[in-house]
């Protein structure tokens, strides 16, 4: 949908703003918002009460509140580019500002205007992005007549809600595709590709039946498990070498994140003990429940690379890396890891001893190849769908930002789009 421009414009006198509708005013942000400091919440934090709001939204409760009413929250330190709109009683952390809506200003319009602030331009620190109250107060922004503010706010509420629904649908699709991918892997590596194949009881309740001609063997009989190096060892007086080493953050589900690889100093004599070898299946020792055992195949991406003690290098002997990686990523392996893990409140970890007891399903080698090819083809198809959904979300978010920017700066005239909403309150 396209929207008309206003009949007449004038120069705003502000380079980044350009022209604004001829009947609009231009002024500092303090004409819209009276900015106040947030405060540390620790002394009022309780199990329940009033919401404590940070840059990501409410995250705790307080026995008291800083303000009761409509407000736009602005970042002071850290995440400064995500203004929030809130109503009612709330407490705001000391790294945020809260605001009183100025008389004669629509709160929702002020919020949408705040989204247009060029935070990167104003930020006073690159290490820890920061915004001062003086900079925010002085930021020049368009100020339409109040009835028009109401109309623009109503228009944007309606249009951004439509876009948000579409984004939500795409995000749900991505989640469904992820579940589909997991289901494809899990079914293929435990049941095979032939639906008419004779089945037998695996003897494992959580594995169920497997094709009668398949074997099941413990991981320790088809692979070895290499544990990694721990940080903090005393290397004084030893001949050492500085090498790259993988941490838990580098080992993701189905991929390796190698943009930020740390280094570690270790005795030269120990290097061979911890070196990764091409074909090792990397697995994390622990983490969130749903990430336990996540991993990927090491292809020798970095020379002389070792791994930390929270990352296992499973080295196949009697099975291919690809098959082993598919098995460890299946639902039944994930269930096994969960049941054998040491668990805390929301984290879990598995020992190398328990890892080596994992039952590994073993079809004939030629059947493994067919199953892996099937998984690869299915994953490619799902990748296309998932990437299309990600691209759609990106475009929708761009559309959302552009629509807000155009409406609050007067680059589009939405008065005819919502005539009833433009009537004075």
Foldseek 3Di string as FASTA:
>chain_A
DDFAFDPAWDALPDVVLGIFHPQWHKFFLVQFWDKAFAAAQVVFFDQAAAFEAELVGGDTHGPAFDDAAWKWKAFFKAPGQRIDTDHGTYGYYRRMIITDTHPQADRLLSNLQSNVDPQVVQFPDPVMTGHDPVVRRGDMFIGGGSLLSQVLSVVLVVVVVVLVVLLVVLVVLLVVLVVVLQVLLQCCQLANDDPPADWDAPPDPLSGIYGPQKDKDFLLVFWAKAFFAAPDDDQPPAAKDKAWEDEPQQFFAAHGNDPDIHIGIDHPVCLVSFFADFQWWKFFQKFFLVRHRGGYGDHCPDPSYGYHRRIMGIGGHRAGSLLVSSQCSHPSVSVQQNVQWDDDDGMTGHDSVSNRRDIGMGDPPVSSVVSSVVSVVSVVVSVVSSVVSVVSSVVSVVVSSVSSSCSRSSVGDCCVVCVVSSDDD
